[in-house]
């Protein structure tokens, strides 16, 4: 009888795990819809010891300022969320923009190119092989979500 009860309890935990994971993402439904695509990226680098919430917020704020300082309206906004600011969110601002997995991957490729030009990236990675995801891993980000701000979201877990 104990084995049956244990098996039932274990099954209940397994079934409850996905729902609990979604419940932990308090940004879903507020900043973006449920992601249509969820991927996992295995980073080629480790998080730097001095990367913390303050550094991640500073990084996102610097990117946001760079976007705001352009002489044209922004095509996306970027910010860090979560208790540890370890979730990067990019929200498109134009109709049709960032509405497919291909457009989000193109933006991420563009961000990889931009990251490779920074001294920080070149000093902490093998710049010609590392990606924007590796850059985020250095800073301690665990997730990035890109959305069109309407109906599409693409999420990458960074491990």
C-alpha atoms as a PDB file:
ATOM      1  CA  UNK A   1       0.000   0.000   0.000  1.00  0.00           C
ATOM      2  CA  UNK A   2       2.874   2.393   0.757  1.00  0.00           C
ATOM      3  CA  UNK A   3       4.417   1.793  -2.654  1.00  0.00           C
ATOM      4  CA  UNK A   4       1.111   2.586  -4.345  1.00  0.00           C
ATOM      5  CA  UNK A   5       0.695   5.760  -2.300  1.00  0.00           C
ATOM      6  CA  UNK A   6       4.303   6.810  -3.021  1.00  0.00           C
ATOM      7  CA  UNK A   7       3.839   6.163  -6.753  1.00  0.00           C
ATOM      8  CA  UNK A   8       0.630   8.222  -6.769  1.00  0.00           C
ATOM      9  CA  UNK A   9       2.375  11.073  -4.918  1.00  0.00           C
ATOM     10  CA  UNK A  10       5.365  10.947  -7.314  1.00  0.00           C
ATOM     11  CA  UNK A  11       3.034  10.978 -10.327  1.00  0.00           C
ATOM     12  CA  UNK A  12       1.177  13.956  -8.883  1.00  0.00           C
ATOM     13  CA  UNK A  13       4.456  15.846  -8.453  1.00  0.00           C
ATOM     14  CA  UNK A  14       5.522  15.059 -12.018  1.00  0.00           C
ATOM     15  CA  UNK A  15       2.199  16.217 -13.398  1.00  0.00           C
ATOM     16  CA  UNK A  16       2.268  19.378 -11.296  1.00  0.00           C
ATOM     17  CA  UNK A  17       5.809  20.392 -12.274  1.00  0.00           C
ATOM     18  CA  UNK A  18       5.022  22.034 -15.657  1.00  0.00           C
ATOM     19  CA  UNK A  19       2.177  24.059 -14.171  1.00  0.00           C
ATOM     20  CA  UNK A  20       4.377  25.199 -11.320  1.00  0.00           C
ATOM     21  CA  UNK A  21       7.127  26.222 -13.750  1.00  0.00           C
ATOM     22  CA  UNK A  22       4.645  28.344 -15.715  1.00  0.00           C
ATOM     23  CA  UNK A  23       3.317  29.861 -12.498  1.00  0.00           C
ATOM     24  CA  UNK A  24       6.881  30.878 -11.579  1.00  0.00           C
ATOM     25  CA  UNK A  25       7.082  33.020 -14.735  1.00  0.00           C
ATOM     26  CA  UNK A  26       5.136  36.013 -13.465  1.00  0.00           C
ATOM     27  CA  UNK A  27       6.031  37.985 -16.602  1.00  0.00           C
ATOM     28  CA  UNK A  28       4.039  35.614 -18.842  1.00  0.00           C
ATOM     29  CA  UNK A  29       0.638  37.112 -19.473  1.00  0.00           C
ATOM     30  CA  UNK A  30       1.818  40.542 -18.355  1.00  0.00           C
ATOM     31  CA  UNK A  31       4.717  41.445 -20.685  1.00  0.00           C
ATOM     32  CA  UNK A  32       4.227  38.676 -23.237  1.00  0.00           C
ATOM     33  CA  UNK A  33       1.855  35.872 -24.165  1.00  0.00           C
ATOM     34  CA  UNK A  34       2.651  32.222 -23.502  1.00  0.00           C
ATOM     35  CA  UNK A  35       5.728  31.470 -25.649  1.00  0.00           C
ATOM     36  CA  UNK A  36       5.000  29.540 -28.837  1.00  0.00           C
ATOM     37  CA  UNK A  37       8.644  28.469 -29.020  1.00  0.00           C
ATOM     38  CA  UNK A  38      10.777  27.532 -25.999  1.00  0.00           C
ATOM     39  CA  UNK A  39      14.398  26.501 -26.489  1.00  0.00           C
ATOM     40  CA  UNK A  40      17.349  25.750 -24.224  1.00  0.00           C
ATOM     41  CA  UNK A  41      20.813  27.101 -24.944  1.00  0.00           C
ATOM     42  CA  UNK A  42      23.837  25.441 -23.349  1.00  0.00           C
ATOM     43  CA  UNK A  43      26.261  28.327 -22.847  1.00  0.00           C
ATOM     44  CA  UNK A  44      29.944  28.016 -23.672  1.00  0.00           C
ATOM     45  CA  UNK A  45      30.899  30.224 -20.732  1.00  0.00           C
ATOM     46  CA  UNK A  46      30.258  30.402 -17.000  1.00  0.00           C
ATOM     47  CA  UNK A  47      28.589  33.264 -15.175  1.00  0.00           C
ATOM     48  CA  UNK A  48      31.174  35.727 -13.906  1.00  0.00           C
ATOM     49  CA  UNK A  49      31.560  35.739 -10.131  1.00  0.00           C
ATOM     50  CA  UNK A  50      30.787  39.459  -9.874  1.00  0.00           C
ATOM     51  CA  UNK A  51      27.651  39.307 -12.028  1.00  0.00           C
ATOM     52  CA  UNK A  52      24.663  40.158  -9.895  1.00  0.00           C
ATOM     53  CA  UNK A  53      21.257  41.789 -10.049  1.00  0.00           C
ATOM     54  CA  UNK A  54      22.781  45.283 -10.170  1.00  0.00           C
ATOM     55  CA  UNK A  55      25.022  44.391 -13.117  1.00  0.00           C
ATOM     56  CA  UNK A  56      22.123  42.837 -15.051  1.00  0.00           C
ATOM     57  CA  UNK A  57      19.902  45.864 -14.465  1.00  0.00           C
ATOM     58  CA  UNK A  58      22.752  48.152 -15.518  1.00  0.00           C
ATOM     59  CA  UNK A  59      23.270  46.143 -18.702  1.00  0.00           C
ATOM     60  CA  UNK A  60      19.581  46.283 -19.628  1.00  0.00           C
ATOM     61  CA  UNK A  61      19.404  49.986 -18.790  1.00  0.00           C
ATOM     62  CA  UNK A  62      22.461  50.731 -20.947  1.00  0.00           C
ATOM     63  CA  UNK A  63      20.907  48.864 -23.877  1.00  0.00           C
ATOM     64  CA  UNK A  64      17.599  50.666 -23.341  1.00  0.00           C
ATOM     65  CA  UNK A  65      19.386  54.027 -23.315  1.00  0.00           C
ATOM     66  CA  UNK A  66      21.264  53.176 -26.504  1.00  0.00           C
ATOM     67  CA  UNK A  67      17.967  52.269 -28.186  1.00  0.00           C
ATOM     68  CA  UNK A  68      16.258  55.452 -26.915  1.00  0.00           C
ATOM     69  CA  UNK A  69      19.155  57.649 -28.108  1.00  0.00           C
ATOM     70  CA  UNK A  70      18.715  56.629 -31.753  1.00  0.00           C
ATOM     71  CA  UNK A  71      17.316  59.333 -34.052  1.00  0.00           C
ATOM     72  CA  UNK A  72      14.285  57.193 -34.923  1.00  0.00           C
ATOM     73  CA  UNK A  73      11.517  55.524 -32.919  1.00  0.00           C
ATOM     74  CA  UNK A  74      12.540  52.245 -31.259  1.00  0.00           C
ATOM     75  CA  UNK A  75      11.519  48.993 -32.946  1.00  0.00           C
ATOM     76  CA  UNK A  76      11.771  47.182 -29.611  1.00  0.00           C
ATOM     77  CA  UNK A  77      12.158  47.782 -25.897  1.00  0.00           C
ATOM     78  CA  UNK A  78      14.458  45.747 -23.683  1.00  0.00           C
ATOM     79  CA  UNK A  79      14.444  45.271 -19.913  1.00  0.00           C
ATOM     80  CA  UNK A  80      15.388  42.867 -17.116  1.00  0.00           C
ATOM     81  CA  UNK A  81      12.764  41.350 -14.841  1.00  0.00           C
ATOM     82  CA  UNK A  82      12.465  38.744 -12.094  1.00  0.00           C
ATOM     83  CA  UNK A  83      13.486  38.877  -8.456  1.00  0.00           C
ATOM     84  CA  UNK A  84      17.136  38.655  -9.490  1.00  0.00           C
ATOM     85  CA  UNK A  85      16.651  40.555 -12.774  1.00  0.00           C
ATOM     86  CA  UNK A  86      17.789  37.385 -14.538  1.00  0.00           C
ATOM     87  CA  UNK A  87      15.098  37.387 -17.233  1.00  0.00           C
ATOM     88  CA  UNK A  88      15.745  39.600 -20.238  1.00  0.00           C
ATOM     89  CA  UNK A  89      12.626  40.643 -22.134  1.00  0.00           C
ATOM     90  CA  UNK A  90      12.502  42.211 -25.588  1.00  0.00           C
ATOM     91  CA  UNK A  91       9.155  43.591 -26.759  1.00  0.00           C
ATOM     92  CA  UNK A  92       8.629  44.651 -30.365  1.00  0.00           C
ATOM     93  CA  UNK A  93       6.945  47.987 -30.980  1.00  0.00           C
ATOM     94  CA  UNK A  94       6.026  47.726 -34.664  1.00  0.00           C
ATOM     95  CA  UNK A  95       3.149  45.799 -36.178  1.00  0.00           C
ATOM     96  CA  UNK A  96       4.413  42.577 -37.697  1.00  0.00           C
ATOM     97  CA  UNK A  97       7.906  42.960 -36.222  1.00  0.00           C
ATOM     98  CA  UNK A  98       9.265  40.132 -34.050  1.00  0.00           C
ATOM     99  CA  UNK A  99       6.179  38.092 -34.920  1.00  0.00           C
ATOM    100  CA  UNK A 100       7.950  34.923 -36.056  1.00  0.00           C
ATOM    101  CA  UNK A 101      10.713  32.700 -34.775  1.00  0.00           C
ATOM    102  CA  UNK A 102      12.793  33.711 -37.802  1.00  0.00           C
ATOM    103  CA  UNK A 103      12.545  37.428 -37.044  1.00  0.00           C
ATOM    104  CA  UNK A 104      13.444  36.858 -33.408  1.00  0.00           C
ATOM    105  CA  UNK A 105      16.445  34.743 -34.412  1.00  0.00           C
ATOM    106  CA  UNK A 106      17.521  37.504 -36.822  1.00  0.00           C
ATOM    107  CA  UNK A 107      17.384  40.045 -33.983  1.00  0.00           C
ATOM    108  CA  UNK A 108      19.414  37.701 -31.773  1.00  0.00           C
ATOM    109  CA  UNK A 109      22.005  37.288 -34.543  1.00  0.00           C
ATOM    110  CA  UNK A 110      22.198  41.079 -34.817  1.00  0.00           C
ATOM    111  CA  UNK A 111      22.662  41.361 -31.044  1.00  0.00           C
ATOM    112  CA  UNK A 112      25.429  38.733 -31.230  1.00  0.00           C
ATOM    113  CA  UNK A 113      27.249  40.867 -33.796  1.00  0.00           C
ATOM    114  CA  UNK A 114      26.882  43.967 -31.653  1.00  0.00           C
ATOM    115  CA  UNK A 115      28.036  42.125 -28.519  1.00  0.00           C
ATOM    116  CA  UNK A 116      31.164  40.837 -30.278  1.00  0.00           C
ATOM    117  CA  UNK A 117      32.302  44.433 -30.761  1.00  0.00           C
ATOM    118  CA  UNK A 118      32.379  45.196 -27.035  1.00  0.00           C
ATOM    119  CA  UNK A 119      35.576  45.009 -24.992  1.00  0.00           C
ATOM    120  CA  UNK A 120      33.691  43.133 -22.258  1.00  0.00           C
ATOM    121  CA  UNK A 121      32.688  40.359 -24.663  1.00  0.00           C
ATOM    122  CA  UNK A 122      36.154  40.099 -26.207  1.00  0.00           C
ATOM    123  CA  UNK A 123      37.845  39.903 -22.797  1.00  0.00           C
ATOM    124  CA  UNK A 124      35.501  37.267 -21.367  1.00  0.00           C
ATOM    125  CA  UNK A 125      34.732  34.967 -24.310  1.00  0.00           C
ATOM    126  CA  UNK A 126      36.131  33.648 -27.535  1.00  0.00           C
ATOM    127  CA  UNK A 127      34.378  36.400 -29.445  1.00  0.00           C
ATOM    128  CA  UNK A 128      34.252  34.704 -32.838  1.00  0.00           C
ATOM    129  CA  UNK A 129      32.435  31.654 -31.376  1.00  0.00           C
ATOM    130  CA  UNK A 130      30.370  33.025 -28.530  1.00  0.00           C
ATOM    131  CA  UNK A 131      26.840  34.337 -29.034  1.00  0.00           C
ATOM    132  CA  UNK A 132      24.574  36.896 -27.435  1.00  0.00           C
ATOM    133  CA  UNK A 133      23.306  34.051 -25.244  1.00  0.00           C
ATOM    134  CA  UNK A 134      26.873  33.517 -23.967  1.00  0.00           C
ATOM    135  CA  UNK A 135      27.081  37.236 -23.253  1.00  0.00           C
ATOM    136  CA  UNK A 136      23.870  36.955 -21.221  1.00  0.00           C
ATOM    137  CA  UNK A 137      25.227  33.891 -19.388  1.00  0.00           C
ATOM    138  CA  UNK A 138      28.341  35.869 -18.374  1.00  0.00           C
ATOM    139  CA  UNK A 139      26.003  38.388 -16.761  1.00  0.00           C
ATOM    140  CA  UNK A 140      23.923  35.707 -15.044  1.00  0.00           C
ATOM    141  CA  UNK A 141      20.764  35.865 -17.135  1.00  0.00           C
ATOM    142  CA  UNK A 142      18.791  32.612 -17.111  1.00  0.00           C
ATOM    143  CA  UNK A 143      16.166  33.391 -19.714  1.00  0.00           C
ATOM    144  CA  UNK A 144      15.433  35.671 -22.634  1.00  0.00           C
ATOM    145  CA  UNK A 145      11.967  36.190 -24.092  1.00  0.00           C
ATOM    146  CA  UNK A 146      11.304  38.034 -27.337  1.00  0.00           C
ATOM    147  CA  UNK A 147       7.743  39.026 -28.218  1.00  0.00           C
ATOM    148  CA  UNK A 148       5.909  41.030 -30.818  1.00  0.00           C
ATOM    149  CA  UNK A 149       3.847  42.468 -27.957  1.00  0.00           C
ATOM    150  CA  UNK A 150       0.652  41.028 -29.429  1.00  0.00           C
ATOM    151  CA  UNK A 151       0.427  37.254 -29.834  1.00  0.00           C
ATOM    152  CA  UNK A 152       3.877  35.751 -30.442  1.00  0.00           C
ATOM    153  CA  UNK A 153       6.662  35.008 -27.957  1.00  0.00           C
ATOM    154  CA  UNK A 154       9.922  33.070 -28.332  1.00  0.00           C
ATOM    155  CA  UNK A 155      11.750  32.074 -25.145  1.00  0.00           C
ATOM    156  CA  UNK A 156      15.258  30.723 -24.611  1.00  0.00           C
ATOM    157  CA  UNK A 157      16.386  29.210 -21.319  1.00  0.00           C
ATOM    158  CA  UNK A 158      20.115  29.753 -20.787  1.00  0.00           C
ATOM    159  CA  UNK A 159      21.993  27.001 -18.970  1.00  0.00           C
END
